Amino acid sequence: MDKEIFEKSFIENLNKNFDSHSKFFDFKFYTYPELGSSIFEINKCLILGFYRASITLTNNVLERVLKLALIYNETGIGPKPVENWSEIFSVPNEKYGSKQLGNTIELCKKEKLITESERNILFDSIRELMRNGFSHSDPSKILKDLPDETPVFHANLKNPTKLKEIQVNYKTIPFFQSMQMDEFAKQNAFEYFKFVFELMKRIDERLKLKYNVK
């Protein structure tokens, strides 16, 4: 494929989408500034129309931010002596670093880092649809509401005007699964990112309030 084709597509998407996404480049997280580069990358994917990539990386950020919230909830936030970093972080990192998403959601709720409403959205919707559907490559949750049989029309080259109706199950056929997943990603990637972005800000504020950081 020629470079000019990529260049034209990138420029078109940049011009079309930058204004609506630019405000998401303007952020400052006190608790987890290390996630800033991932936020930039997700937003650039959305601007350029890389929706599956955006969802997959948003999943990664969500899982990481919940673990970091638990770690910093235990260690406290704010400056710490460099010589003590290993001692301070080794135990909570081992404690939370390999937790599954369902467990970190419940622990964050228990520690009042997220609300009951946020817990329900994360556990019942995002964990099933976004994380399992994309990071685990399992389209079954996303496509479950499609009918088991959908009529399509098949033509024979020997008699192209004679159409035969057949029933297919989009939920089990790989290339139909991929088409549906692409459309789902296009329709939902930005709203998912916005939810996680706003959740990160709220968790950041809750930890700052807990540790009296201005």
N, C-alpha and C. Protein backbone atom coordinates (compact mmCIF):
# COMPACT_ATOMS: atom_id res chain seq x y z
N MET A 1 0.84 -1.20 0.00
CA MET A 1 0.00 0.00 0.00
C MET A 1 0.88 1.25 0.00
N ASP A 2 0.50 2.24 -0.78
CA ASP A 2 1.30 3.45 -0.91
C ASP A 2 1.21 4.31 0.36
N LYS A 3 2.31 4.97 0.65
CA LYS A 3 2.37 5.87 1.80
C LYS A 3 1.31 6.97 1.70
N GLU A 4 1.05 7.43 0.49
CA GLU A 4 0.11 8.54 0.31
C GLU A 4 -1.30 8.18 0.78
N ILE A 5 -1.66 6.90 0.65
CA ILE A 5 -2.99 6.48 1.09
C ILE A 5 -3.10 6.60 2.61
N PHE A 6 -2.06 6.15 3.32
CA PHE A 6 -2.05 6.29 4.78
C PHE A 6 -2.06 7.77 5.17
N GLU A 7 -1.23 8.54 4.52
CA GLU A 7 -1.11 9.96 4.84
C GLU A 7 -2.45 10.67 4.66
N LYS A 8 -3.14 10.38 3.57
CA LYS A 8 -4.43 11.01 3.30
C LYS A 8 -5.45 10.62 4.38
N SER A 9 -5.48 9.34 4.75
CA SER A 9 -6.41 8.88 5.77
C SER A 9 -6.12 9.50 7.12
N PHE A 10 -4.84 9.56 7.49
CA PHE A 10 -4.46 10.14 8.77
C PHE A 10 -4.84 11.61 8.85
N ILE A 11 -4.57 12.35 7.80
CA ILE A 11 -4.87 13.78 7.79
C ILE A 11 -6.38 14.03 7.85
N GLU A 12 -7.13 13.23 7.10
CA GLU A 12 -8.58 13.38 7.11
C GLU A 12 -9.15 13.13 8.51
N ASN A 13 -8.70 12.05 9.15
CA ASN A 13 -9.20 11.74 10.49
C ASN A 13 -8.74 12.76 11.52
N LEU A 14 -7.51 13.24 11.38
CA LEU A 14 -7.01 14.26 12.30
C LEU A 14 -7.84 15.53 12.20
N ASN A 15 -8.09 15.98 11.00
CA ASN A 15 -8.88 17.19 10.80
C ASN A 15 -10.34 17.01 11.27
N LYS A 16 -10.88 15.82 11.07
CA LYS A 16 -12.27 15.56 11.43
C LYS A 16 -12.47 15.40 12.94
N ASN A 17 -11.49 14.79 13.62
CA ASN A 17 -11.72 14.37 15.00
C ASN A 17 -10.95 15.14 16.06
N PHE A 18 -9.94 15.92 15.67
CA PHE A 18 -9.07 16.50 16.69
C PHE A 18 -9.81 17.42 17.66
N ASP A 19 -10.66 18.29 17.15
CA ASP A 19 -11.33 19.25 18.03
C ASP A 19 -12.16 18.58 19.11
N SER A 20 -12.84 17.51 18.78
CA SER A 20 -13.69 16.84 19.76
C SER A 20 -12.90 16.00 20.76
N HIS A 21 -11.63 15.72 20.46
CA HIS A 21 -10.82 14.88 21.34
C HIS A 21 -9.71 15.66 22.04
N SER A 22 -9.42 16.87 21.60
CA SER A 22 -8.23 17.57 22.09
C SER A 22 -8.26 17.82 23.59
N LYS A 23 -9.46 18.02 24.18
CA LYS A 23 -9.52 18.31 25.61
C LYS A 23 -9.03 17.13 26.45
N PHE A 24 -9.02 15.93 25.89
CA PHE A 24 -8.56 14.76 26.63
C PHE A 24 -7.03 14.64 26.66
N PHE A 25 -6.34 15.56 25.97
CA PHE A 25 -4.90 15.65 26.11
C PHE A 25 -4.51 16.54 27.29
N ASP A 26 -5.48 17.26 27.83
CA ASP A 26 -5.21 18.22 28.91
C ASP A 26 -5.66 17.60 30.24
N PHE A 27 -4.74 16.97 30.94
CA PHE A 27 -5.07 16.33 32.20
C PHE A 27 -3.83 16.31 33.09
N LYS A 28 -4.08 16.11 34.38
CA LYS A 28 -2.97 16.01 35.33
C LYS A 28 -3.43 15.13 36.48
N PHE A 29 -2.92 13.89 36.50
CA PHE A 29 -3.25 12.97 37.58
C PHE A 29 -2.16 13.04 38.64
N TYR A 30 -2.54 13.35 39.87
CA TYR A 30 -1.56 13.41 40.94
C TYR A 30 -1.11 12.00 41.33
N THR A 31 -2.07 11.08 41.40
CA THR A 31 -1.80 9.76 41.96
C THR A 31 -1.01 8.86 41.02
N TYR A 32 -1.35 8.88 39.72
CA TYR A 32 -0.70 7.94 38.80
C TYR A 32 -0.31 8.63 37.49
N PRO A 33 0.66 9.55 37.58
CA PRO A 33 1.10 10.24 36.35
C PRO A 33 1.74 9.29 35.34
N GLU A 34 2.16 8.10 35.81
CA GLU A 34 2.79 7.13 34.91
C GLU A 34 1.85 6.62 33.85
N LEU A 35 0.54 6.84 34.02
CA LEU A 35 -0.43 6.40 33.02
C LEU A 35 -0.69 7.45 31.94
N GLY A 36 -0.04 8.59 32.05
CA GLY A 36 -0.27 9.66 31.09
C GLY A 36 0.04 9.28 29.65
N SER A 37 1.13 8.55 29.43
CA SER A 37 1.49 8.19 28.06
C SER A 37 0.45 7.27 27.44
N SER A 38 -0.16 6.39 28.25
CA SER A 38 -1.21 5.51 27.74
C SER A 38 -2.46 6.29 27.38
N ILE A 39 -2.80 7.30 28.18
CA ILE A 39 -3.96 8.14 27.86
C ILE A 39 -3.74 8.86 26.54
N PHE A 40 -2.55 9.38 26.32
CA PHE A 40 -2.22 10.02 25.04
C PHE A 40 -2.38 9.03 23.90
N GLU A 41 -1.89 7.82 24.08
CA GLU A 41 -1.94 6.82 23.02
C GLU A 41 -3.38 6.44 22.68
N ILE A 42 -4.22 6.25 23.71
CA ILE A 42 -5.62 5.93 23.47
C ILE A 42 -6.30 7.03 22.68
N ASN A 43 -6.07 8.27 23.10
CA ASN A 43 -6.72 9.39 22.43
C ASN A 43 -6.27 9.52 20.98
N LYS A 44 -5.00 9.27 20.72
CA LYS A 44 -4.51 9.30 19.34
C LYS A 44 -5.15 8.19 18.50
N CYS A 45 -5.35 7.02 19.11
CA CYS A 45 -6.04 5.94 18.40
C CYS A 45 -7.46 6.36 18.03
N LEU A 46 -8.15 7.00 18.95
CA LEU A 46 -9.53 7.44 18.68
C LEU A 46 -9.57 8.49 17.57
N ILE A 47 -8.64 9.41 17.59
CA ILE A 47 -8.59 10.45 16.57
C ILE A 47 -8.39 9.83 15.19
N LEU A 48 -7.54 8.81 15.11
CA LEU A 48 -7.21 8.20 13.83
C LEU A 48 -8.16 7.06 13.45
N GLY A 49 -9.13 6.75 14.32
CA GLY A 49 -10.12 5.73 14.00
C GLY A 49 -9.68 4.31 14.27
N PHE A 50 -8.70 4.14 15.18
CA PHE A 50 -8.26 2.79 15.55
C PHE A 50 -9.05 2.34 16.78
N TYR A 51 -10.29 1.94 16.57
CA TYR A 51 -11.22 1.74 17.68
C TYR A 51 -10.92 0.48 18.50
N ARG A 52 -10.59 -0.60 17.82
CA ARG A 52 -10.25 -1.82 18.57
C ARG A 52 -9.00 -1.59 19.42
N ALA A 53 -8.01 -0.95 18.85
CA ALA A 53 -6.78 -0.66 19.59
C ALA A 53 -7.08 0.22 20.80
N SER A 54 -7.96 1.19 20.60
CA SER A 54 -8.34 2.07 21.70
C SER A 54 -8.98 1.28 22.83
N ILE A 55 -9.93 0.40 22.51
CA ILE A 55 -10.61 -0.37 23.55
C ILE A 55 -9.63 -1.28 24.28
N THR A 56 -8.75 -1.94 23.54
CA THR A 56 -7.80 -2.87 24.16
C THR A 56 -6.88 -2.13 25.12
N LEU A 57 -6.38 -0.96 24.72
CA LEU A 57 -5.50 -0.21 25.60
C LEU A 57 -6.28 0.42 26.76
N THR A 58 -7.52 0.81 26.53
CA THR A 58 -8.35 1.32 27.63
C THR A 58 -8.57 0.22 28.66
N ASN A 59 -8.77 -1.02 28.21
CA ASN A 59 -8.86 -2.15 29.14
C ASN A 59 -7.61 -2.24 29.99
N ASN A 60 -6.46 -2.12 29.35
CA ASN A 60 -5.19 -2.21 30.06
C ASN A 60 -5.07 -1.11 31.11
N VAL A 61 -5.45 0.11 30.73
CA VAL A 61 -5.37 1.24 31.66
C VAL A 61 -6.33 1.05 32.83
N LEU A 62 -7.54 0.59 32.54
CA LEU A 62 -8.51 0.38 33.61
C LEU A 62 -8.00 -0.63 34.63
N GLU A 63 -7.50 -1.77 34.14
CA GLU A 63 -7.00 -2.78 35.07
C GLU A 63 -5.84 -2.23 35.90
N ARG A 64 -4.97 -1.47 35.24
CA ARG A 64 -3.80 -0.92 35.94
C ARG A 64 -4.20 0.15 36.95
N VAL A 65 -5.14 1.00 36.60
CA VAL A 65 -5.49 2.10 37.51
C VAL A 65 -6.15 1.57 38.78
N LEU A 66 -6.94 0.50 38.67
CA LEU A 66 -7.55 -0.07 39.87
C LEU A 66 -6.49 -0.68 40.78
N LYS A 67 -5.48 -1.33 40.18
CA LYS A 67 -4.39 -1.87 40.98
C LYS A 67 -3.57 -0.75 41.62
N LEU A 68 -3.28 0.29 40.87
CA LEU A 68 -2.52 1.41 41.42
C LEU A 68 -3.30 2.12 42.52
N ALA A 69 -4.62 2.22 42.34
CA ALA A 69 -5.44 2.85 43.38
C ALA A 69 -5.31 2.09 44.69
N LEU A 70 -5.33 0.76 44.62
CA LEU A 70 -5.20 -0.05 45.82
C LEU A 70 -3.79 0.06 46.43
N ILE A 71 -2.78 0.10 45.55
CA ILE A 71 -1.41 0.24 46.03
C ILE A 71 -1.21 1.58 46.74
N TYR A 72 -1.62 2.67 46.08
CA TYR A 72 -1.42 3.99 46.68
C TYR A 72 -2.35 4.23 47.86
N ASN A 73 -3.49 3.56 47.87
CA ASN A 73 -4.37 3.65 49.02
C ASN A 73 -3.69 3.08 50.26
N GLU A 74 -2.82 2.10 50.05
CA GLU A 74 -2.10 1.47 51.17
C GLU A 74 -0.83 2.21 51.52
N THR A 75 -0.10 2.68 50.53
CA THR A 75 1.20 3.32 50.79
C THR A 75 1.06 4.81 51.10
N GLY A 76 -0.07 5.39 50.68
CA GLY A 76 -0.21 6.83 50.74
C GLY A 76 0.34 7.48 49.48
N ILE A 77 -0.06 8.71 49.25
CA ILE A 77 0.43 9.44 48.09
C ILE A 77 1.23 10.65 48.57
N GLY A 78 2.02 11.18 47.69
CA GLY A 78 2.89 12.28 48.06
C GLY A 78 4.34 11.84 48.04
N PRO A 79 5.27 12.79 48.20
CA PRO A 79 6.70 12.49 48.13
C PRO A 79 7.13 11.48 49.18
N LYS A 80 8.06 10.61 48.79
CA LYS A 80 8.63 9.62 49.69
C LYS A 80 10.14 9.54 49.44
N PRO A 81 10.92 9.28 50.46
CA PRO A 81 12.38 9.19 50.27
C PRO A 81 12.74 8.11 49.25
N VAL A 82 13.57 8.45 48.31
CA VAL A 82 13.94 7.51 47.25
C VAL A 82 14.52 6.23 47.82
N GLU A 83 15.31 6.35 48.88
CA GLU A 83 15.96 5.16 49.45
C GLU A 83 14.96 4.18 50.06
N ASN A 84 13.71 4.64 50.26
CA ASN A 84 12.69 3.77 50.86
C ASN A 84 11.69 3.23 49.83
N TRP A 85 11.82 3.59 48.57
CA TRP A 85 10.82 3.20 47.57
C TRP A 85 10.61 1.69 47.51
N SER A 86 11.70 0.93 47.46
CA SER A 86 11.57 -0.54 47.35
C SER A 86 10.83 -1.10 48.55
N GLU A 87 11.18 -0.64 49.72
CA GLU A 87 10.53 -1.13 50.94
C GLU A 87 9.05 -0.75 50.98
N ILE A 88 8.75 0.47 50.56
CA ILE A 88 7.37 0.96 50.62
C ILE A 88 6.46 0.21 49.65
N PHE A 89 6.95 -0.03 48.44
CA PHE A 89 6.07 -0.54 47.40
C PHE A 89 6.11 -2.05 47.19
N SER A 90 7.10 -2.74 47.71
CA SER A 90 7.25 -4.16 47.40
C SER A 90 6.07 -4.99 47.90
N VAL A 91 5.62 -4.78 49.11
CA VAL A 91 4.54 -5.59 49.67
C VAL A 91 3.20 -5.31 48.98
N PRO A 92 2.76 -4.04 48.86
CA PRO A 92 1.49 -3.81 48.16
C PRO A 92 1.52 -4.18 46.68
N ASN A 93 2.69 -4.05 46.05
CA ASN A 93 2.79 -4.46 44.65
C ASN A 93 2.58 -5.96 44.52
N GLU A 94 3.18 -6.72 45.43
CA GLU A 94 2.98 -8.17 45.41
C GLU A 94 1.54 -8.53 45.77
N LYS A 95 0.95 -7.76 46.65
CA LYS A 95 -0.41 -8.01 47.14
C LYS A 95 -1.46 -7.79 46.06
N TYR A 96 -1.28 -6.73 45.24
CA TYR A 96 -2.32 -6.34 44.29
C TYR A 96 -1.93 -6.52 42.82
N GLY A 97 -0.65 -6.65 42.54
CA GLY A 97 -0.18 -6.60 41.15
C GLY A 97 -0.73 -7.66 40.23
N SER A 98 -1.06 -8.83 40.76
CA SER A 98 -1.54 -9.91 39.90
C SER A 98 -3.02 -10.23 40.12
N LYS A 99 -3.73 -9.35 40.82
CA LYS A 99 -5.16 -9.58 41.06
C LYS A 99 -5.95 -9.54 39.75
N GLN A 100 -7.00 -10.35 39.68
CA GLN A 100 -7.91 -10.33 38.54
C GLN A 100 -8.84 -9.11 38.64
N LEU A 101 -9.37 -8.69 37.50
CA LEU A 101 -10.18 -7.48 37.45
C LEU A 101 -11.36 -7.54 38.42
N GLY A 102 -12.07 -8.67 38.43
CA GLY A 102 -13.21 -8.78 39.34
C GLY A 102 -12.82 -8.54 40.78
N ASN A 103 -11.66 -9.05 41.19
CA ASN A 103 -11.19 -8.88 42.56
C ASN A 103 -10.81 -7.43 42.85
N THR A 104 -10.14 -6.77 41.90
CA THR A 104 -9.74 -5.38 42.15
C THR A 104 -10.95 -4.46 42.19
N ILE A 105 -11.96 -4.76 41.39
CA ILE A 105 -13.19 -3.96 41.46
C ILE A 105 -13.80 -4.06 42.85
N GLU A 106 -13.92 -5.27 43.37
CA GLU A 106 -14.53 -5.47 44.68
C GLU A 106 -13.68 -4.84 45.79
N LEU A 107 -12.37 -4.96 45.68
CA LEU A 107 -11.50 -4.36 46.70
C LEU A 107 -11.56 -2.83 46.67
N CYS A 108 -11.62 -2.27 45.47
CA CYS A 108 -11.74 -0.81 45.36
C CYS A 108 -13.06 -0.32 45.95
N LYS A 109 -14.11 -1.09 45.74
CA LYS A 109 -15.41 -0.73 46.35
C LYS A 109 -15.31 -0.82 47.87
N LYS A 110 -14.71 -1.88 48.39
CA LYS A 110 -14.56 -2.06 49.83
C LYS A 110 -13.76 -0.91 50.46
N GLU A 111 -12.75 -0.43 49.75
CA GLU A 111 -11.90 0.65 50.25
C GLU A 111 -12.46 2.04 49.95
N LYS A 112 -13.67 2.08 49.38
CA LYS A 112 -14.34 3.34 49.04
C LYS A 112 -13.58 4.17 48.00
N LEU A 113 -12.83 3.47 47.16
CA LEU A 113 -12.16 4.14 46.05
C LEU A 113 -13.09 4.30 44.85
N ILE A 114 -14.12 3.47 44.78
CA ILE A 114 -15.19 3.61 43.79
C ILE A 114 -16.52 3.48 44.50
N THR A 115 -17.57 4.01 43.87
CA THR A 115 -18.91 3.96 44.45
C THR A 115 -19.61 2.66 44.07
N GLU A 116 -20.77 2.43 44.69
CA GLU A 116 -21.57 1.26 44.34
C GLU A 116 -21.98 1.30 42.88
N SER A 117 -22.38 2.47 42.39
CA SER A 117 -22.78 2.61 40.99
C SER A 117 -21.63 2.31 40.05
N GLU A 118 -20.45 2.84 40.36
CA GLU A 118 -19.27 2.59 39.54
C GLU A 118 -18.90 1.11 39.58
N ARG A 119 -19.00 0.51 40.75
CA ARG A 119 -18.72 -0.92 40.88
C ARG A 119 -19.62 -1.73 39.98
N ASN A 120 -20.91 -1.40 39.95
CA ASN A 120 -21.87 -2.17 39.15
C ASN A 120 -21.58 -2.05 37.66
N ILE A 121 -21.25 -0.85 37.21
CA ILE A 121 -20.92 -0.66 35.79
C ILE A 121 -19.66 -1.44 35.43
N LEU A 122 -18.65 -1.34 36.28
CA LEU A 122 -17.38 -2.03 36.01
C LEU A 122 -17.56 -3.54 36.02
N PHE A 123 -18.26 -4.05 37.01
CA PHE A 123 -18.35 -5.50 37.18
C PHE A 123 -19.34 -6.12 36.19
N ASP A 124 -20.49 -5.51 36.04
CA ASP A 124 -21.55 -6.14 35.26
C ASP A 124 -21.46 -5.86 33.76
N SER A 125 -20.94 -4.70 33.40
CA SER A 125 -20.91 -4.33 31.97
C SER A 125 -19.51 -4.36 31.39
N ILE A 126 -18.63 -3.55 31.95
CA ILE A 126 -17.30 -3.40 31.34
C ILE A 126 -16.49 -4.68 31.44
N ARG A 127 -16.53 -5.35 32.58
CA ARG A 127 -15.76 -6.59 32.74
C ARG A 127 -16.20 -7.64 31.73
N GLU A 128 -17.49 -7.72 31.48
CA GLU A 128 -18.03 -8.72 30.57
C GLU A 128 -17.84 -8.33 29.11
N LEU A 129 -18.27 -7.11 28.77
CA LEU A 129 -18.27 -6.70 27.37
C LEU A 129 -16.89 -6.29 26.87
N MET A 130 -16.33 -5.28 27.51
CA MET A 130 -15.10 -4.68 26.98
C MET A 130 -13.88 -5.54 27.25
N ARG A 131 -13.69 -5.96 28.51
CA ARG A 131 -12.49 -6.72 28.84
C ARG A 131 -12.54 -8.10 28.19
N ASN A 132 -13.62 -8.86 28.45
CA ASN A 132 -13.69 -10.22 27.90
C ASN A 132 -13.85 -10.21 26.38
N GLY A 133 -14.63 -9.26 25.87
CA GLY A 133 -14.90 -9.22 24.44
C GLY A 133 -13.68 -8.89 23.61
N PHE A 134 -12.82 -7.98 24.10
CA PHE A 134 -11.69 -7.53 23.30
C PHE A 134 -10.35 -8.06 23.81
N SER A 135 -10.03 -7.83 25.06
CA SER A 135 -8.73 -8.31 25.56
C SER A 135 -8.65 -9.82 25.56
N HIS A 136 -9.80 -10.49 25.75
CA HIS A 136 -9.81 -11.96 25.74
C HIS A 136 -10.32 -12.52 24.42
N SER A 137 -10.58 -11.65 23.46
CA SER A 137 -11.03 -12.08 22.13
C SER A 137 -12.23 -13.01 22.19
N ASP A 138 -13.19 -12.67 23.04
CA ASP A 138 -14.40 -13.48 23.19
C ASP A 138 -15.61 -12.64 22.78
N PRO A 139 -16.07 -12.79 21.52
CA PRO A 139 -17.19 -11.97 21.05
C PRO A 139 -18.55 -12.41 21.55
N SER A 140 -18.62 -13.53 22.26
CA SER A 140 -19.92 -14.09 22.61
C SER A 140 -20.76 -13.15 23.46
N LYS A 141 -20.13 -12.42 24.40
CA LYS A 141 -20.88 -11.50 25.25
C LYS A 141 -21.44 -10.33 24.46
N ILE A 142 -20.66 -9.83 23.52
CA ILE A 142 -21.06 -8.66 22.74
C ILE A 142 -22.15 -9.02 21.75
N LEU A 143 -22.08 -10.22 21.19
CA LEU A 143 -23.01 -10.61 20.13
C LEU A 143 -24.20 -11.40 20.66
N LYS A 144 -24.32 -11.57 21.97
CA LYS A 144 -25.32 -12.48 22.52
C LYS A 144 -26.76 -12.08 22.20
N ASP A 145 -27.00 -10.77 21.97
CA ASP A 145 -28.37 -10.32 21.70
C ASP A 145 -28.77 -10.43 20.23
N LEU A 146 -27.83 -10.81 19.38
CA LEU A 146 -28.19 -11.04 17.98
C LEU A 146 -29.06 -12.30 17.88
N PRO A 147 -29.95 -12.37 16.90
CA PRO A 147 -30.75 -13.59 16.73
C PRO A 147 -29.88 -14.77 16.34
N ASP A 148 -30.33 -15.96 16.69
CA ASP A 148 -29.58 -17.17 16.34
C ASP A 148 -29.59 -17.44 14.84
N GLU A 149 -30.63 -16.96 14.18
CA GLU A 149 -30.73 -17.15 12.73
C GLU A 149 -31.06 -15.82 12.06
N THR A 150 -30.29 -15.51 11.03
CA THR A 150 -30.51 -14.30 10.24
C THR A 150 -30.60 -14.69 8.77
N PRO A 151 -31.63 -14.25 8.06
CA PRO A 151 -31.75 -14.64 6.65
C PRO A 151 -30.74 -13.90 5.77
N VAL A 152 -30.10 -14.63 4.88
CA VAL A 152 -29.25 -14.04 3.84
C VAL A 152 -29.65 -14.69 2.52
N PHE A 153 -29.28 -14.02 1.44
CA PHE A 153 -29.69 -14.50 0.12
C PHE A 153 -28.47 -14.90 -0.69
N HIS A 154 -28.54 -16.09 -1.24
CA HIS A 154 -27.41 -16.68 -1.95
C HIS A 154 -27.77 -16.84 -3.42
N ALA A 155 -26.85 -16.41 -4.30
CA ALA A 155 -27.07 -16.51 -5.74
C ALA A 155 -26.08 -17.50 -6.35
N ASN A 156 -26.54 -18.23 -7.32
CA ASN A 156 -25.70 -19.17 -8.06
C ASN A 156 -25.23 -18.49 -9.34
N LEU A 157 -23.93 -18.58 -9.64
CA LEU A 157 -23.39 -17.91 -10.82
C LEU A 157 -24.04 -18.40 -12.12
N LYS A 158 -24.51 -19.63 -12.12
CA LYS A 158 -25.15 -20.15 -13.32
C LYS A 158 -26.54 -19.54 -13.53
N ASN A 159 -27.11 -19.08 -12.42
CA ASN A 159 -28.45 -18.48 -12.51
C ASN A 159 -28.52 -17.32 -11.51
N PRO A 160 -27.82 -16.22 -11.81
CA PRO A 160 -27.64 -15.14 -10.84
C PRO A 160 -28.93 -14.42 -10.45
N THR A 161 -29.97 -14.53 -11.24
CA THR A 161 -31.22 -13.85 -10.90
C THR A 161 -32.08 -14.65 -9.92
N LYS A 162 -31.73 -15.89 -9.72
CA LYS A 162 -32.49 -16.73 -8.80
C LYS A 162 -31.80 -16.72 -7.44
N LEU A 163 -32.43 -16.09 -6.46
CA LEU A 163 -31.86 -15.98 -5.13
C LEU A 163 -32.47 -17.03 -4.20
N LYS A 164 -31.60 -17.62 -3.40
CA LYS A 164 -32.04 -18.63 -2.44
C LYS A 164 -31.82 -18.08 -1.02
N GLU A 165 -32.88 -18.08 -0.24
CA GLU A 165 -32.77 -17.61 1.14
C GLU A 165 -32.24 -18.74 2.02
N ILE A 166 -31.21 -18.42 2.81
CA ILE A 166 -30.67 -19.37 3.78
C ILE A 166 -30.56 -18.67 5.13
N GLN A 167 -30.52 -19.45 6.20
CA GLN A 167 -30.41 -18.92 7.55
C GLN A 167 -28.98 -19.13 8.06
N VAL A 168 -28.39 -18.07 8.62
CA VAL A 168 -27.04 -18.19 9.19
C VAL A 168 -27.04 -17.60 10.60
N ASN A 169 -26.12 -18.07 11.39
CA ASN A 169 -25.94 -17.56 12.75
C ASN A 169 -24.69 -16.69 12.79
N TYR A 170 -24.89 -15.37 12.76
CA TYR A 170 -23.77 -14.44 12.76
C TYR A 170 -22.86 -14.63 13.97
N LYS A 171 -23.42 -15.12 15.07
CA LYS A 171 -22.66 -15.20 16.32
C LYS A 171 -21.59 -16.28 16.31
N THR A 172 -21.65 -17.20 15.35
CA THR A 172 -20.71 -18.32 15.34
C THR A 172 -19.78 -18.34 14.14
N ILE A 173 -19.98 -17.43 13.19
CA ILE A 173 -19.20 -17.43 11.95
C ILE A 173 -18.10 -16.37 12.07
N PRO A 174 -16.82 -16.76 12.00
CA PRO A 174 -15.74 -15.84 12.33
C PRO A 174 -15.76 -14.51 11.59
N PHE A 175 -15.97 -14.50 10.27
CA PHE A 175 -15.89 -13.22 9.58
C PHE A 175 -17.09 -12.33 9.88
N PHE A 176 -18.24 -12.92 10.20
CA PHE A 176 -19.38 -12.12 10.64
C PHE A 176 -19.13 -11.59 12.06
N GLN A 177 -18.52 -12.41 12.89
CA GLN A 177 -18.15 -11.96 14.23
C GLN A 177 -17.25 -10.72 14.15
N SER A 178 -16.27 -10.79 13.27
CA SER A 178 -15.32 -9.70 13.13
C SER A 178 -16.01 -8.42 12.66
N MET A 179 -16.92 -8.54 11.70
CA MET A 179 -17.65 -7.37 11.22
C MET A 179 -18.47 -6.73 12.34
N GLN A 180 -19.14 -7.56 13.13
CA GLN A 180 -19.96 -7.04 14.23
C GLN A 180 -19.08 -6.41 15.32
N MET A 181 -17.94 -7.02 15.59
CA MET A 181 -17.04 -6.47 16.60
C MET A 181 -16.46 -5.13 16.15
N ASP A 182 -16.14 -5.02 14.87
CA ASP A 182 -15.64 -3.75 14.33
C ASP A 182 -16.67 -2.65 14.52
N GLU A 183 -17.92 -2.96 14.22
CA GLU A 183 -18.98 -1.96 14.35
C GLU A 183 -19.21 -1.60 15.81
N PHE A 184 -19.19 -2.61 16.67
CA PHE A 184 -19.36 -2.35 18.11
C PHE A 184 -18.24 -1.44 18.62
N ALA A 185 -17.00 -1.73 18.21
CA ALA A 185 -15.87 -0.91 18.64
C ALA A 185 -16.02 0.53 18.16
N LYS A 186 -16.42 0.70 16.92
CA LYS A 186 -16.60 2.05 16.37
C LYS A 186 -17.64 2.84 17.15
N GLN A 187 -18.72 2.17 17.54
CA GLN A 187 -19.81 2.85 18.22
C GLN A 187 -19.53 3.11 19.70
N ASN A 188 -18.63 2.34 20.32
CA ASN A 188 -18.50 2.39 21.77
C ASN A 188 -17.13 2.78 22.31
N ALA A 189 -16.11 2.82 21.46
CA ALA A 189 -14.74 3.05 21.96
C ALA A 189 -14.60 4.39 22.66
N PHE A 190 -15.16 5.45 22.08
CA PHE A 190 -14.98 6.78 22.66
C PHE A 190 -15.72 6.91 24.00
N GLU A 191 -16.95 6.40 24.07
CA GLU A 191 -17.71 6.49 25.32
C GLU A 191 -17.03 5.67 26.42
N TYR A 192 -16.46 4.55 26.06
CA TYR A 192 -15.74 3.73 27.04
C TYR A 192 -14.53 4.48 27.57
N PHE A 193 -13.76 5.05 26.68
CA PHE A 193 -12.59 5.83 27.10
C PHE A 193 -13.00 6.98 28.01
N LYS A 194 -14.06 7.69 27.65
CA LYS A 194 -14.51 8.82 28.47
C LYS A 194 -14.89 8.35 29.87
N PHE A 195 -15.57 7.20 29.96
CA PHE A 195 -15.94 6.68 31.28
C PHE A 195 -14.71 6.39 32.12
N VAL A 196 -13.72 5.72 31.55
CA VAL A 196 -12.51 5.37 32.29
C VAL A 196 -11.73 6.64 32.65
N PHE A 197 -11.65 7.58 31.73
CA PHE A 197 -10.95 8.84 31.97
C PHE A 197 -11.56 9.58 33.16
N GLU A 198 -12.88 9.69 33.18
CA GLU A 198 -13.56 10.39 34.28
C GLU A 198 -13.45 9.61 35.58
N LEU A 199 -13.49 8.28 35.50
CA LEU A 199 -13.30 7.46 36.70
C LEU A 199 -11.91 7.68 37.29
N MET A 200 -10.91 7.75 36.44
CA MET A 200 -9.55 8.01 36.91
C MET A 200 -9.47 9.33 37.66
N LYS A 201 -10.13 10.35 37.15
CA LYS A 201 -10.12 11.65 37.83
C LYS A 201 -10.80 11.56 39.19
N ARG A 202 -11.90 10.81 39.26
CA ARG A 202 -12.62 10.71 40.54
C ARG A 202 -11.81 9.93 41.57
N ILE A 203 -11.18 8.84 41.17
CA ILE A 203 -10.34 8.07 42.09
C ILE A 203 -9.16 8.93 42.56
N ASP A 204 -8.58 9.68 41.65
CA ASP A 204 -7.47 10.57 41.99
C ASP A 204 -7.91 11.57 43.07
N GLU A 205 -9.08 12.16 42.89
CA GLU A 205 -9.58 13.13 43.87
C GLU A 205 -9.88 12.47 45.22
N ARG A 206 -10.40 11.24 45.20
CA ARG A 206 -10.70 10.55 46.45
C ARG A 206 -9.43 10.24 47.24
N LEU A 207 -8.37 9.85 46.56
CA LEU A 207 -7.11 9.59 47.24
C LEU A 207 -6.48 10.88 47.75
N LYS A 208 -6.57 11.94 46.97
CA LYS A 208 -6.05 13.23 47.43
C LYS A 208 -6.81 13.71 48.66
N LEU A 209 -8.12 13.51 48.69
CA LEU A 209 -8.92 13.91 49.84
C LEU A 209 -8.55 13.08 51.07
N LYS A 210 -8.38 11.77 50.87
CA LYS A 210 -8.03 10.88 51.98
C LYS A 210 -6.71 11.27 52.61
N TYR A 211 -5.72 11.64 51.78
CA TYR A 211 -4.39 11.95 52.29
C TYR A 211 -4.14 13.45 52.35
N ASN A 212 -5.22 14.23 52.25
CA ASN A 212 -5.15 15.69 52.43
C ASN A 212 -4.09 16.34 51.54
N VAL A 213 -4.14 15.95 50.26
CA VAL A 213 -3.24 16.53 49.26
C VAL A 213 -4.00 17.57 48.46
N LYS A 214 -3.49 18.77 48.41
CA LYS A 214 -4.16 19.87 47.69
C LYS A 214 -3.76 19.87 46.21
